[in-house]
Amino acid sequence: MQYITIALQCIVAFSILNVWLLQYNKPTQWRGGNAKTIIEEFKVYGLPIWMCYVVGTLKVALAIGLLASIWYPELQQIAALGLAALLLGSIVMHLKVKDPLKKSFPAFLFFSMCLVISYL
């Protein structure tokens, strides 16, 4: 079971880091509304730009915490539940702007993985 948890931690953490550090200014099929960048996506949701930086900082820090929790298990639950809370917010924002369900699938998938990580 430990290897499954570690695999889930790596999948979630590297995916979050990819979105927020590498794909930040690139269009993807998962962005809310017709946004091409993360900042545009936050505008679509009606959120201020500063919130994009706060959420991004939190997601990157919690993703790093999720990786660190492989060696420091006391970080695992707080990092997983923190990310789960932010991902739930992502799902709510997609629903708020009436995106097709497909667009909220990655957030839902990683939200579910975070709940499994926190449970294990």
Protein backbone atom coordinates (compact mmCIF):
# COMPACT_ATOMS: atom_id res chain seq x y z
CA MET A 1 0.00 0.00 0.00
CA GLN A 2 2.92 2.31 0.70
CA TYR A 3 4.06 2.15 -2.94
CA ILE A 4 0.57 3.04 -4.16
CA THR A 5 0.50 6.07 -1.86
CA ILE A 6 3.93 7.20 -3.04
CA ALA A 7 2.88 6.78 -6.67
CA LEU A 8 -0.27 8.86 -6.08
CA GLN A 9 1.75 11.53 -4.27
CA CYS A 10 4.16 11.78 -7.22
CA ILE A 11 1.39 11.84 -9.82
CA VAL A 12 -0.54 14.61 -8.03
CA ALA A 13 2.52 16.68 -7.10
CA PHE A 14 4.22 16.57 -10.50
CA SER A 15 0.92 17.28 -12.27
CA ILE A 16 0.24 20.34 -10.10
CA LEU A 17 3.82 21.57 -10.56
CA ASN A 18 3.53 21.05 -14.33
CA VAL A 19 0.34 23.10 -14.54
CA TRP A 20 1.53 25.96 -12.35
CA LEU A 21 5.19 26.15 -13.37
CA LEU A 22 5.46 24.84 -16.94
CA GLN A 23 1.98 25.22 -18.49
CA TYR A 24 1.17 28.50 -16.72
CA ASN A 25 0.94 30.62 -19.88
CA LYS A 26 -0.02 27.91 -22.34
CA PRO A 27 -3.52 27.12 -23.55
CA THR A 28 -4.94 23.70 -22.67
CA GLN A 29 -8.30 22.05 -23.21
CA TRP A 30 -8.90 22.11 -19.44
CA ARG A 31 -8.86 25.88 -18.86
CA GLY A 32 -12.10 27.47 -17.70
CA GLY A 33 -14.20 29.31 -20.26
CA ASN A 34 -12.11 30.30 -23.28
CA ALA A 35 -9.04 31.21 -21.23
CA LYS A 36 -5.60 30.65 -22.73
CA THR A 37 -3.58 31.24 -19.51
CA ILE A 38 -4.12 30.73 -15.82
CA ILE A 39 -4.53 34.48 -15.26
CA GLU A 40 -7.21 34.62 -17.96
CA GLU A 41 -8.87 31.63 -16.32
CA PHE A 42 -9.11 33.45 -12.98
CA LYS A 43 -10.64 36.42 -14.82
CA VAL A 44 -13.23 34.08 -16.37
CA TYR A 45 -14.13 32.95 -12.86
CA GLY A 46 -14.54 36.57 -11.75
CA LEU A 47 -11.62 36.34 -9.33
CA PRO A 48 -8.97 39.04 -8.82
CA ILE A 49 -5.51 38.51 -10.28
CA TRP A 50 -3.89 38.55 -6.83
CA MET A 51 -5.90 35.43 -5.98
CA CYS A 52 -4.24 33.61 -8.87
CA TYR A 53 -0.86 34.24 -7.25
CA VAL A 54 -2.09 33.18 -3.81
CA VAL A 55 -3.68 29.98 -5.12
CA GLY A 56 -0.65 29.24 -7.29
CA THR A 57 1.77 29.73 -4.40
CA LEU A 58 -0.34 27.50 -2.16
CA LYS A 59 -0.68 24.77 -4.79
CA VAL A 60 3.06 24.75 -5.54
CA ALA A 61 3.96 24.75 -1.83
CA LEU A 62 1.49 21.96 -1.05
CA ALA A 63 2.68 19.92 -4.06
CA ILE A 64 6.26 20.23 -2.81
CA GLY A 65 4.98 19.28 0.65
CA LEU A 66 3.32 16.21 -0.85
CA LEU A 67 6.65 15.16 -2.37
CA ALA A 68 8.50 15.92 0.86
CA SER A 69 5.99 13.80 2.77
CA ILE A 70 7.48 10.72 1.13
CA TRP A 71 10.38 11.23 3.57
CA TYR A 72 8.52 13.27 6.20
CA PRO A 73 5.17 11.49 6.65
CA GLU A 74 3.87 14.11 9.09
CA LEU A 75 3.40 16.44 6.09
CA GLN A 76 1.28 13.98 4.10
CA GLN A 77 -2.19 14.67 5.47
CA ILE A 78 -1.92 18.47 5.59
CA ALA A 79 -0.49 18.64 2.06
CA ALA A 80 -3.08 16.21 0.64
CA LEU A 81 -6.05 17.86 2.38
CA GLY A 82 -4.79 21.35 1.53
CA LEU A 83 -4.56 20.42 -2.14
CA ALA A 84 -7.94 18.68 -1.96
CA ALA A 85 -9.51 21.90 -0.65
CA LEU A 86 -7.98 23.98 -3.45
CA LEU A 87 -8.97 21.41 -6.08
CA LEU A 88 -12.53 21.40 -4.76
CA GLY A 89 -12.46 25.17 -5.29
CA SER A 90 -11.36 24.55 -8.89
CA ILE A 91 -14.28 22.21 -9.45
CA VAL A 92 -16.71 24.75 -7.99
CA MET A 93 -15.33 27.49 -10.27
CA HIS A 94 -15.77 25.29 -13.36
CA LEU A 95 -19.36 24.64 -12.33
CA LYS A 96 -19.92 28.35 -11.59
CA VAL A 97 -19.08 29.35 -15.17
CA LYS A 98 -21.00 26.36 -16.56
CA ASP A 99 -17.98 24.72 -18.17
CA PRO A 100 -18.57 21.28 -19.68
CA LEU A 101 -17.89 18.59 -17.07
CA LYS A 102 -14.86 17.50 -19.12
CA LYS A 103 -13.02 20.67 -18.08
CA SER A 104 -13.34 19.89 -14.38
CA PHE A 105 -12.26 16.25 -14.79
CA PRO A 106 -8.54 16.79 -13.95
CA ALA A 107 -9.43 18.74 -10.81
CA PHE A 108 -11.90 16.03 -9.79
CA LEU A 109 -9.37 13.26 -10.48
CA PHE A 110 -6.60 14.92 -8.44
CA PHE A 111 -9.11 15.87 -5.70
CA SER A 112 -10.04 12.18 -5.43
CA MET A 113 -6.38 11.14 -5.38
CA CYS A 114 -5.68 13.63 -2.58
CA LEU A 115 -8.51 12.18 -0.52
CA VAL A 116 -7.11 8.67 -1.04
CA ILE A 117 -3.61 9.89 -0.04
CA SER A 118 -4.95 11.52 3.12
CA TYR A 119 -6.91 8.38 4.00
CA LEU A 120 -3.95 6.03 3.49
